[in-house]
Amino acid sequence: MAADSDRLDPAASLEAAVDAVARLARMLERSAQPLSLADFRVLSALDAGEDRASRLAERLAVGKPAISATVDSLVKRGLVTRTKVDGDQRAMALALTADGATQVHQAKARLAERVRAVTSLMGEPGAGIRALAELGDAIERYRAEQAAGAQGQAQANVKAGA
């Protein structure tokens, strides 16, 4: 059985893919409740070992004010703690509380079940899951290339101004 996107021209297939990713994002947003996706992304990054707001902002491709607002909310809700970093007066280390760890793991399970349910309706469910995982890897490579390009451009601008 051929997928509908196989019958579309490349531009239409790309548009169908964009629509599908947007619809999946909305489904996942509802499944993450009571966390927002922004909450989930921050908690998940902390769970993976990030501990500074500046690195979270970079990793999640959001501005520092957005990270600060999300972290403030998570701290107030008892899901994240802030502690001072020895030797750096401005830096604060972030960590999950026990409740934060529980909530992010429960949300991951709900999100994984939603992805499993959706991909189970594909011709090759395992291929769908692998494609989504590969998409995640590609997103990370794309972001790294963009960051490297921006850094290279900034260095070129500094040299041109010197």
Protein backbone atom coordinates (compact mmCIF):
# COMPACT_ATOMS: atom_id res chain seq x y z
CA MET A 1 0.00 0.00 0.00
CA ALA A 2 1.53 3.29 -1.11
CA ALA A 3 1.34 6.28 1.18
CA ASP A 4 -0.67 9.25 -0.05
CA SER A 5 2.54 11.31 -0.11
CA ASP A 6 4.03 8.79 -2.60
CA ARG A 7 1.34 9.80 -5.09
CA LEU A 8 2.02 13.51 -4.68
CA ASP A 9 4.55 15.60 -6.54
CA PRO A 10 7.63 16.55 -4.44
CA ALA A 11 6.33 20.02 -3.52
CA ALA A 12 2.97 18.60 -2.46
CA SER A 13 4.74 15.83 -0.50
CA LEU A 14 6.79 18.45 1.32
CA GLU A 15 3.65 20.43 2.16
CA ALA A 16 1.95 17.23 3.37
CA ALA A 17 4.99 16.52 5.58
CA VAL A 18 4.87 20.03 7.06
CA ASP A 19 1.15 19.66 7.77
CA ALA A 20 1.73 16.24 9.36
CA VAL A 21 4.50 17.53 11.65
CA ALA A 22 2.31 20.46 12.71
CA ARG A 23 -0.64 18.15 13.46
CA LEU A 24 1.61 15.74 15.37
CA ALA A 25 2.99 18.65 17.41
CA ARG A 26 -0.57 19.63 18.39
CA MET A 27 -1.40 16.04 19.34
CA LEU A 28 1.74 15.84 21.47
CA GLU A 29 0.97 19.20 23.05
CA ARG A 30 -2.35 17.83 24.29
CA SER A 31 -0.70 14.59 25.46
CA ALA A 32 1.92 16.44 27.52
CA GLN A 33 -0.72 17.92 29.84
CA PRO A 34 -0.53 19.07 32.61
CA LEU A 35 2.82 20.27 31.23
CA SER A 36 3.03 22.61 28.28
CA LEU A 37 5.40 21.55 25.51
CA ALA A 38 7.73 24.38 26.63
CA ASP A 39 7.68 22.93 30.17
CA PHE A 40 8.28 19.44 28.80
CA ARG A 41 11.19 20.52 26.61
CA VAL A 42 12.94 22.26 29.53
CA LEU A 43 12.31 19.39 31.95
CA SER A 44 13.45 16.87 29.35
CA ALA A 45 16.67 18.80 28.69
CA LEU A 46 17.34 19.01 32.43
CA ASP A 47 16.67 15.28 32.67
CA ALA A 48 19.27 14.77 29.91
CA GLY A 49 21.91 16.64 31.91
CA GLU A 50 21.64 20.32 30.96
CA ASP A 51 21.94 22.53 34.02
CA ARG A 52 22.25 26.16 32.85
CA ALA A 53 19.54 28.40 31.44
CA SER A 54 21.87 29.78 28.76
CA ARG A 55 22.62 26.28 27.46
CA LEU A 56 18.92 25.40 27.61
CA ALA A 57 18.08 28.44 25.50
CA GLU A 58 20.71 27.45 22.95
CA ARG A 59 19.73 23.77 22.90
CA LEU A 60 16.02 24.49 22.61
CA ALA A 61 16.49 27.36 20.13
CA VAL A 62 14.58 29.90 22.20
CA GLY A 63 15.49 33.24 23.66
CA LYS A 64 16.83 33.65 27.16
CA PRO A 65 13.72 35.58 28.28
CA ALA A 66 11.51 32.64 27.23
CA ILE A 67 13.71 30.17 29.12
CA SER A 68 13.74 32.43 32.16
CA ALA A 69 9.95 32.65 32.19
CA THR A 70 9.55 28.88 31.80
CA VAL A 71 12.16 28.14 34.48
CA ASP A 72 10.53 30.66 36.85
CA SER A 73 7.20 28.89 36.39
CA LEU A 74 8.75 25.45 36.92
CA VAL A 75 10.54 26.63 40.07
CA LYS A 76 7.30 28.10 41.48
CA ARG A 77 5.54 24.79 40.79
CA GLY A 78 8.25 22.83 42.60
CA LEU A 79 9.49 20.98 39.51
CA VAL A 80 12.94 22.62 39.25
CA THR A 81 15.45 24.03 41.72
CA ARG A 82 18.03 26.78 41.23
CA THR A 83 21.32 26.83 43.09
CA LYS A 84 24.27 29.21 42.88
CA VAL A 85 27.33 28.01 41.01
CA ASP A 86 30.57 28.27 42.98
CA GLY A 87 32.99 30.69 41.35
CA ASP A 88 30.38 32.39 39.11
CA GLN A 89 28.22 35.00 40.84
CA ARG A 90 25.77 35.27 37.95
CA ALA A 91 25.31 31.59 37.10
CA MET A 92 22.60 29.40 38.54
CA ALA A 93 22.56 25.61 38.21
CA LEU A 94 19.17 24.11 37.46
CA ALA A 95 18.03 20.65 38.52
CA LEU A 96 14.86 18.60 38.50
CA THR A 97 13.10 18.00 41.79
CA ALA A 98 11.73 14.54 42.48
CA ASP A 99 8.30 15.78 41.36
CA GLY A 100 9.82 17.32 38.22
CA ALA A 101 11.52 14.02 37.35
CA THR A 102 8.25 12.14 37.90
CA GLN A 103 6.27 14.56 35.75
CA VAL A 104 8.74 14.55 32.85
CA HIS A 105 8.96 10.73 32.86
CA GLN A 106 5.16 10.41 32.94
CA ALA A 107 4.87 12.93 30.10
CA LYS A 108 7.50 11.05 28.06
CA ALA A 109 5.49 7.85 28.49
CA ARG A 110 2.28 9.57 27.35
CA LEU A 111 4.03 11.16 24.37
CA ALA A 112 5.71 7.88 23.40
CA GLU A 113 2.35 6.11 23.53
CA ARG A 114 0.81 8.77 21.27
CA VAL A 115 3.65 8.42 18.75
CA ARG A 116 3.34 4.63 18.91
CA ALA A 117 -0.43 4.83 18.35
CA VAL A 118 -0.07 7.15 15.35
CA THR A 119 2.81 5.24 13.75
CA SER A 120 0.98 1.93 14.26
CA LEU A 121 -1.41 3.12 11.54
CA MET A 122 1.42 3.46 9.03
CA GLY A 123 2.32 0.75 6.52
CA GLU A 124 5.59 0.16 8.39
CA PRO A 125 5.25 1.40 11.99
CA GLY A 126 8.90 0.75 12.85
CA ALA A 127 10.00 2.74 9.81
CA GLY A 128 7.85 5.65 10.95
CA ILE A 129 9.42 5.66 14.40
CA ARG A 130 12.91 5.37 12.90
CA ALA A 131 12.12 8.25 10.51
CA LEU A 132 11.02 10.45 13.41
CA ALA A 133 14.17 9.57 15.37
CA GLU A 134 16.28 10.33 12.29
CA LEU A 135 14.42 13.63 11.92
CA GLY A 136 15.44 14.51 15.47
CA ASP A 137 19.07 13.77 14.65
CA ALA A 138 18.82 15.84 11.47
CA ILE A 139 17.35 18.75 13.44
CA GLU A 140 20.36 18.67 15.78
CA ARG A 141 22.80 18.58 12.84
CA TYR A 142 20.93 21.43 11.12
CA ARG A 143 21.01 23.56 14.28
CA ALA A 144 24.74 22.88 14.73
CA GLU A 145 25.42 23.91 11.13
CA GLN A 146 23.36 27.06 11.55
CA ALA A 147 25.19 27.95 14.76
CA ALA A 148 28.57 27.31 13.14
CA GLY A 149 27.60 29.46 10.17
CA ALA A 150 26.45 32.29 12.42
CA GLN A 151 29.66 32.07 14.44
CA GLY A 152 31.74 32.09 11.26
CA GLN A 153 29.85 35.12 9.98
CA ALA A 154 30.36 36.94 13.28
CA GLN A 155 34.09 36.23 13.16
CA ALA A 156 34.24 37.45 9.54
CA ASN A 157 32.43 40.64 10.57
CA VAL A 158 34.94 41.21 13.39
CA LYS A 159 37.87 40.69 11.01
CA ALA A 160 36.32 43.03 8.42
CA GLY A 161 35.91 45.73 11.07
CA ALA A 162 39.46 45.34 12.38
